[in-house]
Amino acid sequence: MSRISIKTRDDLPEALQPLWDKMTTYGSFENQAGVMAHRPPIFKHVWSLLVDLADNGVLSKRHLELALVAASELNKCSYCVSHHAPKLTVQGVSEQGVARLLDFKDHPELDEVDRLVVEYTIAVNDNWTRTRDEIFARLRKHFSEAQIVELTWRISLCGAFNRFSDVLQLDVEQGVPGSQAAE
């Protein structure tokens, strides 16, 4: 059970209610957004950023979801895995493939670029002070600088979301399949 009460759209200032409506098109994140709604500036800026990136992102959905699921698995965030694993299956990775995503080196459902995204996610999440130029040389073969910036930001932000969701013990919303993968 969430450690913080969950606010609703109606609890937000009227000016932020359209952002709530837009947020719901991103996915079923009402519990997370409802906790953020305790601080309207947090709700406003975080969700404005996420919906803007969803509308204008430069990464493919597959690469984005690979990074988000990998980061969430690394951080053992069942809330985030539950929300993003189904999005990754839509992008062509089976449930079994999602469950073994961190075993990327010989993953039969991932191509070279997919593997690089997971490897980079691990570097950003776990080894950011030891990340070397070599991985950036490989990234540049497949991604523009804008894509590398967005990928790095989304991995980093996902880690913050993982910590936020876990420490506040957010429940997965009804209708979102619960995931045992991160537990």
N, C-alpha and C. Protein backbone atom coordinates (compact mmCIF):
# COMPACT_ATOMS: atom_id res chain seq x y z
N MET A 1 0.84 -1.18 0.00
CA MET A 1 0.00 0.00 0.00
C MET A 1 0.88 1.24 0.00
N SER A 2 0.50 2.20 -0.78
CA SER A 2 1.29 3.42 -0.92
C SER A 2 1.48 4.12 0.42
N ARG A 3 2.67 4.61 0.63
CA ARG A 3 2.98 5.33 1.87
C ARG A 3 2.42 6.76 1.84
N ILE A 4 2.02 7.22 0.69
CA ILE A 4 1.48 8.57 0.50
C ILE A 4 0.11 8.41 -0.16
N SER A 5 -0.85 9.19 0.26
CA SER A 5 -2.18 9.10 -0.34
C SER A 5 -2.13 9.47 -1.83
N ILE A 6 -3.05 8.89 -2.57
CA ILE A 6 -3.10 9.09 -4.02
C ILE A 6 -4.15 10.16 -4.33
N LYS A 7 -3.70 11.25 -4.90
CA LYS A 7 -4.61 12.30 -5.33
C LYS A 7 -5.16 11.95 -6.71
N THR A 8 -6.20 12.64 -7.11
CA THR A 8 -6.81 12.42 -8.41
C THR A 8 -6.73 13.69 -9.24
N ARG A 9 -7.19 13.58 -10.45
CA ARG A 9 -7.24 14.72 -11.36
C ARG A 9 -7.95 15.91 -10.71
N ASP A 10 -9.03 15.64 -10.02
CA ASP A 10 -9.83 16.71 -9.41
C ASP A 10 -9.12 17.42 -8.27
N ASP A 11 -8.08 16.80 -7.71
CA ASP A 11 -7.31 17.43 -6.64
C ASP A 11 -6.30 18.44 -7.17
N LEU A 12 -6.02 18.38 -8.45
CA LEU A 12 -5.05 19.29 -9.06
C LEU A 12 -5.69 20.66 -9.32
N PRO A 13 -4.86 21.69 -9.38
CA PRO A 13 -5.39 22.98 -9.83
C PRO A 13 -5.97 22.81 -11.24
N GLU A 14 -7.01 23.56 -11.53
CA GLU A 14 -7.70 23.42 -12.82
C GLU A 14 -6.74 23.54 -14.01
N ALA A 15 -5.75 24.38 -13.89
CA ALA A 15 -4.81 24.58 -15.00
C ALA A 15 -4.00 23.32 -15.31
N LEU A 16 -3.84 22.42 -14.33
CA LEU A 16 -3.06 21.20 -14.54
C LEU A 16 -3.91 20.00 -14.93
N GLN A 17 -5.22 20.11 -14.88
CA GLN A 17 -6.07 18.99 -15.21
C GLN A 17 -5.92 18.52 -16.66
N PRO A 18 -5.75 19.42 -17.64
CA PRO A 18 -5.49 18.92 -19.01
C PRO A 18 -4.19 18.10 -19.11
N LEU A 19 -3.18 18.45 -18.30
CA LEU A 19 -1.95 17.65 -18.30
C LEU A 19 -2.23 16.26 -17.73
N TRP A 20 -3.06 16.16 -16.72
CA TRP A 20 -3.46 14.84 -16.20
C TRP A 20 -4.10 14.02 -17.32
N ASP A 21 -5.01 14.66 -18.08
CA ASP A 21 -5.67 13.95 -19.18
C ASP A 21 -4.65 13.48 -20.21
N LYS A 22 -3.69 14.31 -20.52
CA LYS A 22 -2.64 13.95 -21.47
C LYS A 22 -1.77 12.83 -20.89
N MET A 23 -1.48 12.91 -19.59
CA MET A 23 -0.66 11.91 -18.92
C MET A 23 -1.29 10.53 -19.05
N THR A 24 -2.61 10.45 -19.00
CA THR A 24 -3.26 9.14 -19.06
C THR A 24 -3.10 8.49 -20.43
N THR A 25 -2.77 9.26 -21.46
CA THR A 25 -2.51 8.67 -22.77
C THR A 25 -1.13 8.01 -22.82
N TYR A 26 -0.27 8.34 -21.88
CA TYR A 26 1.08 7.78 -21.79
C TYR A 26 1.05 6.36 -21.22
N GLY A 27 0.04 6.11 -20.40
CA GLY A 27 -0.09 4.81 -19.76
C GLY A 27 -0.88 4.97 -18.48
N SER A 28 -1.09 3.88 -17.79
CA SER A 28 -1.89 3.90 -16.56
C SER A 28 -0.98 4.16 -15.36
N PHE A 29 -0.59 5.43 -15.22
CA PHE A 29 0.33 5.83 -14.16
C PHE A 29 -0.36 6.72 -13.12
N GLU A 30 -1.66 6.49 -12.90
CA GLU A 30 -2.43 7.36 -12.01
C GLU A 30 -1.91 7.36 -10.58
N ASN A 31 -1.41 6.23 -10.09
CA ASN A 31 -0.89 6.21 -8.71
C ASN A 31 0.37 7.04 -8.60
N GLN A 32 1.26 6.91 -9.55
CA GLN A 32 2.49 7.69 -9.51
C GLN A 32 2.18 9.18 -9.68
N ALA A 33 1.35 9.51 -10.65
CA ALA A 33 0.97 10.90 -10.87
C ALA A 33 0.20 11.44 -9.68
N GLY A 34 -0.66 10.59 -9.08
CA GLY A 34 -1.45 11.01 -7.94
C GLY A 34 -0.61 11.34 -6.72
N VAL A 35 0.51 10.65 -6.56
CA VAL A 35 1.43 10.99 -5.47
C VAL A 35 2.18 12.28 -5.82
N MET A 36 2.61 12.40 -7.06
CA MET A 36 3.29 13.63 -7.47
C MET A 36 2.38 14.85 -7.34
N ALA A 37 1.09 14.64 -7.47
CA ALA A 37 0.13 15.74 -7.40
C ALA A 37 0.13 16.44 -6.04
N HIS A 38 0.72 15.82 -5.03
CA HIS A 38 0.86 16.51 -3.74
C HIS A 38 1.72 17.76 -3.91
N ARG A 39 2.57 17.75 -4.91
CA ARG A 39 3.42 18.92 -5.22
C ARG A 39 3.19 19.26 -6.69
N PRO A 40 2.23 20.15 -6.96
CA PRO A 40 1.91 20.48 -8.35
C PRO A 40 3.11 20.85 -9.23
N PRO A 41 4.14 21.55 -8.71
CA PRO A 41 5.29 21.81 -9.60
C PRO A 41 5.98 20.52 -10.06
N ILE A 42 6.07 19.53 -9.18
CA ILE A 42 6.67 18.26 -9.58
C ILE A 42 5.79 17.59 -10.63
N PHE A 43 4.50 17.49 -10.35
CA PHE A 43 3.59 16.91 -11.32
C PHE A 43 3.69 17.62 -12.67
N LYS A 44 3.62 18.93 -12.65
CA LYS A 44 3.64 19.72 -13.88
C LYS A 44 4.91 19.50 -14.70
N HIS A 45 6.04 19.63 -14.07
CA HIS A 45 7.29 19.57 -14.83
C HIS A 45 7.65 18.15 -15.26
N VAL A 46 7.46 17.19 -14.39
CA VAL A 46 7.80 15.81 -14.74
C VAL A 46 6.89 15.31 -15.85
N TRP A 47 5.59 15.48 -15.69
CA TRP A 47 4.67 14.95 -16.69
C TRP A 47 4.68 15.76 -17.98
N SER A 48 4.94 17.05 -17.90
CA SER A 48 5.10 17.83 -19.13
C SER A 48 6.29 17.30 -19.93
N LEU A 49 7.39 17.03 -19.24
CA LEU A 49 8.57 16.48 -19.90
C LEU A 49 8.25 15.12 -20.54
N LEU A 50 7.62 14.25 -19.79
CA LEU A 50 7.34 12.91 -20.32
C LEU A 50 6.40 12.93 -21.51
N VAL A 51 5.34 13.72 -21.45
CA VAL A 51 4.42 13.74 -22.58
C VAL A 51 5.05 14.45 -23.78
N ASP A 52 5.90 15.46 -23.52
CA ASP A 52 6.61 16.10 -24.63
C ASP A 52 7.56 15.11 -25.31
N LEU A 53 8.28 14.34 -24.51
CA LEU A 53 9.18 13.34 -25.09
C LEU A 53 8.41 12.25 -25.82
N ALA A 54 7.26 11.88 -25.29
CA ALA A 54 6.44 10.88 -25.99
C ALA A 54 5.97 11.41 -27.33
N ASP A 55 5.65 12.69 -27.38
CA ASP A 55 5.17 13.30 -28.63
C ASP A 55 6.29 13.65 -29.59
N ASN A 56 7.46 13.96 -29.07
CA ASN A 56 8.55 14.48 -29.90
C ASN A 56 9.88 13.76 -29.69
N GLY A 57 9.84 12.55 -29.19
CA GLY A 57 11.07 11.83 -28.91
C GLY A 57 11.81 11.43 -30.18
N VAL A 58 13.10 11.28 -30.06
CA VAL A 58 13.93 10.91 -31.21
C VAL A 58 14.38 9.45 -31.16
N LEU A 59 14.00 8.74 -30.11
CA LEU A 59 14.34 7.32 -30.00
C LEU A 59 13.19 6.47 -30.52
N SER A 60 13.52 5.31 -31.05
CA SER A 60 12.45 4.37 -31.40
C SER A 60 11.80 3.88 -30.12
N LYS A 61 10.54 3.52 -30.20
CA LYS A 61 9.82 2.99 -29.03
C LYS A 61 10.51 1.73 -28.50
N ARG A 62 11.00 0.91 -29.41
CA ARG A 62 11.67 -0.32 -28.99
C ARG A 62 12.91 -0.01 -28.14
N HIS A 63 13.76 0.89 -28.62
CA HIS A 63 14.99 1.20 -27.88
C HIS A 63 14.66 1.89 -26.56
N LEU A 64 13.66 2.74 -26.56
CA LEU A 64 13.26 3.39 -25.31
C LEU A 64 12.78 2.35 -24.29
N GLU A 65 11.89 1.46 -24.70
CA GLU A 65 11.36 0.47 -23.76
C GLU A 65 12.43 -0.53 -23.33
N LEU A 66 13.36 -0.87 -24.21
CA LEU A 66 14.48 -1.73 -23.79
C LEU A 66 15.24 -1.06 -22.65
N ALA A 67 15.52 0.23 -22.79
CA ALA A 67 16.25 0.95 -21.75
C ALA A 67 15.44 1.05 -20.46
N LEU A 68 14.15 1.37 -20.57
CA LEU A 68 13.34 1.55 -19.37
C LEU A 68 13.15 0.24 -18.62
N VAL A 69 12.91 -0.83 -19.35
CA VAL A 69 12.74 -2.12 -18.68
C VAL A 69 14.07 -2.58 -18.09
N ALA A 70 15.16 -2.42 -18.82
CA ALA A 70 16.46 -2.84 -18.28
C ALA A 70 16.80 -2.06 -17.01
N ALA A 71 16.61 -0.75 -17.03
CA ALA A 71 16.90 0.05 -15.83
C ALA A 71 16.00 -0.37 -14.68
N SER A 72 14.74 -0.58 -14.96
CA SER A 72 13.80 -0.97 -13.91
C SER A 72 14.11 -2.35 -13.35
N GLU A 73 14.57 -3.26 -14.21
CA GLU A 73 15.01 -4.58 -13.75
C GLU A 73 16.25 -4.45 -12.87
N LEU A 74 17.21 -3.64 -13.32
CA LEU A 74 18.43 -3.43 -12.53
C LEU A 74 18.11 -2.89 -11.14
N ASN A 75 17.13 -1.99 -11.07
CA ASN A 75 16.76 -1.36 -9.81
C ASN A 75 15.66 -2.11 -9.07
N LYS A 76 15.24 -3.24 -9.64
CA LYS A 76 14.22 -4.11 -9.03
C LYS A 76 12.94 -3.34 -8.71
N CYS A 77 12.50 -2.53 -9.65
CA CYS A 77 11.28 -1.73 -9.47
C CYS A 77 10.11 -2.44 -10.14
N SER A 78 9.34 -3.17 -9.35
CA SER A 78 8.22 -3.92 -9.92
C SER A 78 7.15 -2.99 -10.50
N TYR A 79 6.97 -1.82 -9.90
CA TYR A 79 5.99 -0.87 -10.44
C TYR A 79 6.33 -0.50 -11.88
N CYS A 80 7.57 -0.12 -12.11
CA CYS A 80 7.98 0.32 -13.45
C CYS A 80 8.07 -0.84 -14.44
N VAL A 81 8.56 -2.00 -13.99
CA VAL A 81 8.60 -3.17 -14.87
C VAL A 81 7.18 -3.53 -15.29
N SER A 82 6.25 -3.50 -14.35
CA SER A 82 4.85 -3.84 -14.67
C SER A 82 4.27 -2.93 -15.75
N HIS A 83 4.67 -1.68 -15.74
CA HIS A 83 4.15 -0.73 -16.72
C HIS A 83 4.86 -0.80 -18.07
N HIS A 84 6.16 -1.07 -18.04
CA HIS A 84 6.93 -0.99 -19.29
C HIS A 84 7.16 -2.33 -19.97
N ALA A 85 7.15 -3.43 -19.25
CA ALA A 85 7.33 -4.74 -19.89
C ALA A 85 6.27 -5.00 -20.96
N PRO A 86 4.99 -4.71 -20.70
CA PRO A 86 3.99 -4.91 -21.77
C PRO A 86 4.25 -4.03 -22.99
N LYS A 87 4.78 -2.84 -22.78
CA LYS A 87 5.11 -1.97 -23.91
C LYS A 87 6.27 -2.56 -24.72
N LEU A 88 7.18 -3.24 -24.04
CA LEU A 88 8.29 -3.89 -24.75
C LEU A 88 7.80 -5.10 -25.52
N THR A 89 6.81 -5.81 -25.00
CA THR A 89 6.27 -6.95 -25.76
C THR A 89 5.58 -6.46 -27.03
N VAL A 90 4.95 -5.30 -26.96
CA VAL A 90 4.35 -4.70 -28.17
C VAL A 90 5.44 -4.42 -29.21
N GLN A 91 6.65 -4.14 -28.73
CA GLN A 91 7.78 -3.85 -29.62
C GLN A 91 8.49 -5.12 -30.08
N GLY A 92 7.91 -6.29 -29.79
CA GLY A 92 8.42 -7.52 -30.37
C GLY A 92 9.29 -8.39 -29.50
N VAL A 93 9.41 -8.07 -28.22
CA VAL A 93 10.17 -8.94 -27.31
C VAL A 93 9.16 -9.75 -26.51
N SER A 94 9.30 -11.07 -26.53
CA SER A 94 8.35 -11.93 -25.83
C SER A 94 8.44 -11.72 -24.32
N GLU A 95 7.45 -12.22 -23.60
CA GLU A 95 7.48 -12.15 -22.14
C GLU A 95 8.72 -12.86 -21.59
N GLN A 96 9.05 -14.00 -22.19
CA GLN A 96 10.25 -14.73 -21.77
C GLN A 96 11.51 -13.91 -22.09
N GLY A 97 11.49 -13.23 -23.22
CA GLY A 97 12.61 -12.38 -23.59
C GLY A 97 12.78 -11.20 -22.65
N VAL A 98 11.66 -10.64 -22.22
CA VAL A 98 11.70 -9.54 -21.26
C VAL A 98 12.29 -10.04 -19.94
N ALA A 99 11.87 -11.22 -19.51
CA ALA A 99 12.32 -11.77 -18.23
C ALA A 99 13.84 -11.98 -18.19
N ARG A 100 14.45 -12.20 -19.35
CA ARG A 100 15.91 -12.41 -19.36
C ARG A 100 16.65 -11.29 -20.07
N LEU A 101 16.06 -10.11 -20.06
CA LEU A 101 16.61 -8.97 -20.79
C LEU A 101 18.04 -8.62 -20.36
N LEU A 102 18.33 -8.71 -19.09
CA LEU A 102 19.67 -8.33 -18.61
C LEU A 102 20.74 -9.32 -19.04
N ASP A 103 20.33 -10.49 -19.49
CA ASP A 103 21.24 -11.47 -20.06
C ASP A 103 21.31 -11.19 -21.56
N PHE A 104 21.76 -10.00 -21.90
CA PHE A 104 21.65 -9.47 -23.26
C PHE A 104 22.68 -10.02 -24.24
N LYS A 105 23.83 -10.47 -23.78
CA LYS A 105 24.93 -10.80 -24.69
C LYS A 105 24.58 -11.88 -25.69
N ASP A 106 23.79 -12.86 -25.28
CA ASP A 106 23.40 -13.92 -26.21
C ASP A 106 21.88 -14.02 -26.33
N HIS A 107 21.20 -12.92 -26.09
CA HIS A 107 19.74 -12.89 -26.12
C HIS A 107 19.25 -13.09 -27.55
N PRO A 108 18.48 -14.15 -27.80
CA PRO A 108 18.09 -14.47 -29.18
C PRO A 108 17.09 -13.48 -29.80
N GLU A 109 16.43 -12.68 -29.00
CA GLU A 109 15.44 -11.75 -29.54
C GLU A 109 15.98 -10.34 -29.76
N LEU A 110 17.25 -10.14 -29.42
CA LEU A 110 17.85 -8.81 -29.54
C LEU A 110 18.87 -8.79 -30.66
N ASP A 111 18.84 -7.71 -31.43
CA ASP A 111 19.88 -7.53 -32.44
C ASP A 111 21.04 -6.74 -31.83
N GLU A 112 22.03 -6.44 -32.65
CA GLU A 112 23.24 -5.76 -32.17
C GLU A 112 22.93 -4.43 -31.49
N VAL A 113 22.04 -3.65 -32.08
CA VAL A 113 21.71 -2.33 -31.52
C VAL A 113 20.91 -2.49 -30.23
N ASP A 114 19.98 -3.44 -30.19
CA ASP A 114 19.23 -3.71 -28.96
C ASP A 114 20.19 -4.07 -27.83
N ARG A 115 21.14 -4.94 -28.12
CA ARG A 115 22.11 -5.35 -27.10
C ARG A 115 22.92 -4.15 -26.60
N LEU A 116 23.29 -3.28 -27.53
CA LEU A 116 24.04 -2.08 -27.17
C LEU A 116 23.21 -1.19 -26.24
N VAL A 117 21.92 -1.05 -26.52
CA VAL A 117 21.05 -0.24 -25.66
C VAL A 117 21.01 -0.81 -24.25
N VAL A 118 20.88 -2.12 -24.12
CA VAL A 118 20.84 -2.73 -22.79
C VAL A 118 22.21 -2.58 -22.12
N GLU A 119 23.27 -2.81 -22.85
CA GLU A 119 24.61 -2.64 -22.29
C GLU A 119 24.82 -1.21 -21.80
N TYR A 120 24.39 -0.24 -22.61
CA TYR A 120 24.54 1.16 -22.22
C TYR A 120 23.66 1.49 -21.01
N THR A 121 22.49 0.92 -20.95
CA THR A 121 21.61 1.12 -19.79
C THR A 121 22.30 0.65 -18.52
N ILE A 122 22.93 -0.50 -18.58
CA ILE A 122 23.66 -1.02 -17.42
C ILE A 122 24.80 -0.07 -17.05
N ALA A 123 25.50 0.45 -18.06
CA ALA A 123 26.60 1.38 -17.80
C ALA A 123 26.09 2.66 -17.12
N VAL A 124 25.02 3.23 -17.65
CA VAL A 124 24.48 4.47 -17.08
C VAL A 124 23.94 4.22 -15.67
N ASN A 125 23.26 3.12 -15.48
CA ASN A 125 22.63 2.82 -14.20
C ASN A 125 23.63 2.40 -13.13
N ASP A 126 24.57 1.55 -13.50
CA ASP A 126 25.44 0.93 -12.51
C ASP A 126 26.89 1.40 -12.53
N ASN A 127 27.35 1.87 -13.69
CA ASN A 127 28.78 2.13 -13.85
C ASN A 127 29.08 3.51 -14.43
N TRP A 128 28.26 4.49 -14.10
CA TRP A 128 28.39 5.79 -14.76
C TRP A 128 29.75 6.44 -14.58
N THR A 129 30.43 6.16 -13.48
CA THR A 129 31.75 6.77 -13.27
C THR A 129 32.85 6.00 -14.01
N ARG A 130 32.51 4.83 -14.53
CA ARG A 130 33.50 4.00 -15.22
C ARG A 130 33.15 3.79 -16.69
N THR A 131 32.22 4.56 -17.21
CA THR A 131 31.82 4.41 -18.61
C THR A 131 32.90 5.04 -19.49
N ARG A 132 33.37 4.28 -20.45
CA ARG A 132 34.50 4.70 -21.28
C ARG A 132 34.04 5.15 -22.67
N ASP A 133 34.94 5.80 -23.37
CA ASP A 133 34.66 6.32 -24.71
C ASP A 133 34.30 5.23 -25.70
N GLU A 134 34.77 4.03 -25.47
CA GLU A 134 34.53 2.93 -26.41
C GLU A 134 33.04 2.70 -26.66
N ILE A 135 32.24 2.74 -25.61
CA ILE A 135 30.81 2.49 -25.79
C ILE A 135 30.17 3.65 -26.57
N PHE A 136 30.68 4.86 -26.40
CA PHE A 136 30.14 5.99 -27.15
C PHE A 136 30.50 5.89 -28.64
N ALA A 137 31.66 5.35 -28.93
CA ALA A 137 32.02 5.13 -30.33
C ALA A 137 31.04 4.15 -30.98
N ARG A 138 30.67 3.13 -30.23
CA ARG A 138 29.68 2.17 -30.76
C ARG A 138 28.29 2.79 -30.85
N LEU A 139 27.91 3.58 -29.86
CA LEU A 139 26.61 4.25 -29.90
C LEU A 139 26.51 5.17 -31.11
N ARG A 140 27.60 5.91 -31.40
CA ARG A 140 27.59 6.87 -32.51
C ARG A 140 27.41 6.20 -33.88
N LYS A 141 27.70 4.93 -33.96
CA LYS A 141 27.47 4.21 -35.22
C LYS A 141 25.98 4.03 -35.51
N HIS A 142 25.15 4.13 -34.48
CA HIS A 142 23.72 3.83 -34.63
C HIS A 142 22.80 4.97 -34.21
N PHE A 143 23.31 5.90 -33.42
CA PHE A 143 22.48 6.96 -32.85
C PHE A 143 23.11 8.33 -33.07
N SER A 144 22.26 9.32 -33.28
CA SER A 144 22.73 10.71 -33.35
C SER A 144 23.06 11.18 -31.94
N GLU A 145 23.72 12.32 -31.85
CA GLU A 145 24.01 12.87 -30.52
C GLU A 145 22.72 13.18 -29.77
N ALA A 146 21.71 13.68 -30.48
CA ALA A 146 20.41 13.96 -29.84
C ALA A 146 19.81 12.67 -29.28
N GLN A 147 19.94 11.59 -30.01
CA GLN A 147 19.41 10.31 -29.53
C GLN A 147 20.20 9.81 -28.32
N ILE A 148 21.50 9.98 -28.33
CA ILE A 148 22.32 9.56 -27.19
C ILE A 148 21.96 10.38 -25.95
N VAL A 149 21.75 11.67 -26.14
CA VAL A 149 21.34 12.52 -25.01
C VAL A 149 20.00 12.05 -24.47
N GLU A 150 19.03 11.84 -25.35
CA GLU A 150 17.71 11.40 -24.89
C GLU A 150 17.78 10.03 -24.22
N LEU A 151 18.53 9.11 -24.80
CA LEU A 151 18.68 7.78 -24.21
C LEU A 151 19.29 7.88 -22.81
N THR A 152 20.34 8.66 -22.68
CA THR A 152 21.00 8.82 -21.38
C THR A 152 20.06 9.46 -20.37
N TRP A 153 19.34 10.49 -20.80
CA TRP A 153 18.41 11.16 -19.90
C TRP A 153 17.29 10.22 -19.45
N ARG A 154 16.73 9.48 -20.40
CA ARG A 154 15.61 8.59 -20.06
C ARG A 154 16.06 7.47 -19.12
N ILE A 155 17.26 6.94 -19.32
CA ILE A 155 17.79 5.92 -18.40
C ILE A 155 17.97 6.51 -17.02
N SER A 156 18.57 7.68 -16.95
CA SER A 156 18.81 8.35 -15.67
C SER A 156 17.50 8.70 -14.97
N LEU A 157 16.57 9.24 -15.72
CA LEU A 157 15.26 9.59 -15.17
C LEU A 157 14.51 8.35 -14.70
N CYS A 158 14.65 7.27 -15.43
CA CYS A 158 14.00 6.02 -15.04
C CYS A 158 14.51 5.57 -13.67
N GLY A 159 15.80 5.71 -13.43
CA GLY A 159 16.34 5.37 -12.11
C GLY A 159 15.70 6.20 -11.01
N ALA A 160 15.46 7.48 -11.29
CA ALA A 160 14.78 8.33 -10.31
C ALA A 160 13.35 7.86 -10.09
N PHE A 161 12.65 7.53 -11.18
CA PHE A 161 11.29 7.02 -11.06
C PHE A 161 11.28 5.71 -10.28
N ASN A 162 12.26 4.84 -10.53
CA ASN A 162 12.34 3.57 -9.80
C ASN A 162 12.44 3.82 -8.31
N ARG A 163 13.31 4.72 -7.92
CA ARG A 163 13.51 5.00 -6.50
C ARG A 163 12.26 5.64 -5.89
N PHE A 164 11.68 6.60 -6.60
CA PHE A 164 10.47 7.29 -6.15
C PHE A 164 9.34 6.28 -5.92
N SER A 165 9.12 5.43 -6.91
CA SER A 165 8.01 4.47 -6.84
C SER A 165 8.23 3.43 -5.75
N ASP A 166 9.46 2.97 -5.61
CA ASP A 166 9.74 1.93 -4.61
C ASP A 166 9.72 2.47 -3.19
N VAL A 167 10.37 3.59 -2.94
CA VAL A 167 10.43 4.08 -1.57
C VAL A 167 9.04 4.49 -1.07
N LEU A 168 8.18 4.95 -1.96
CA LEU A 168 6.82 5.32 -1.57
C LEU A 168 5.84 4.15 -1.70
N GLN A 169 6.36 2.99 -2.09
CA GLN A 169 5.60 1.74 -2.19
C GLN A 169 4.32 1.91 -3.01
N LEU A 170 4.46 2.45 -4.21
CA LEU A 170 3.30 2.65 -5.08
C LEU A 170 2.75 1.32 -5.54
N ASP A 171 1.46 1.16 -5.43
CA ASP A 171 0.78 -0.02 -5.93
C ASP A 171 0.60 0.09 -7.44
N VAL A 172 0.70 -1.04 -8.11
CA VAL A 172 0.42 -1.08 -9.54
C VAL A 172 -1.09 -0.90 -9.72
N GLU A 173 -1.47 -0.05 -10.65
CA GLU A 173 -2.88 0.25 -10.89
C GLU A 173 -3.63 -0.98 -11.35
N GLN A 174 -4.93 -1.03 -11.04
CA GLN A 174 -5.78 -2.12 -11.53
C GLN A 174 -5.73 -2.14 -13.04
N GLY A 175 -5.67 -3.34 -13.60
CA GLY A 175 -5.64 -3.48 -15.05
C GLY A 175 -4.23 -3.55 -15.62
N VAL A 176 -3.22 -3.16 -14.84
CA VAL A 176 -1.83 -3.28 -15.27
C VAL A 176 -1.33 -4.62 -14.74
N PRO A 177 -0.83 -5.48 -15.64
CA PRO A 177 -0.38 -6.79 -15.15
C PRO A 177 0.77 -6.63 -14.16
N GLY A 178 0.62 -7.24 -12.98
CA GLY A 178 1.69 -7.20 -12.00
C GLY A 178 2.87 -8.01 -12.51
N SER A 179 4.06 -7.58 -12.18
CA SER A 179 5.25 -8.29 -12.65
C SER A 179 6.02 -8.88 -11.48
N GLN A 180 6.35 -10.10 -11.60
CA GLN A 180 7.20 -10.76 -10.61
C GLN A 180 8.67 -10.65 -11.02
N ALA A 181 8.92 -10.19 -12.25
CA ALA A 181 10.28 -10.21 -12.80
C ALA A 181 11.25 -9.40 -11.98
N ALA A 182 10.81 -8.28 -11.43
CA ALA A 182 11.74 -7.41 -10.70
C ALA A 182 11.82 -7.73 -9.21
N GLU A 183 11.03 -8.66 -8.76
CA GLU A 183 11.00 -8.94 -7.32
C GLU A 183 12.06 -9.95 -6.92
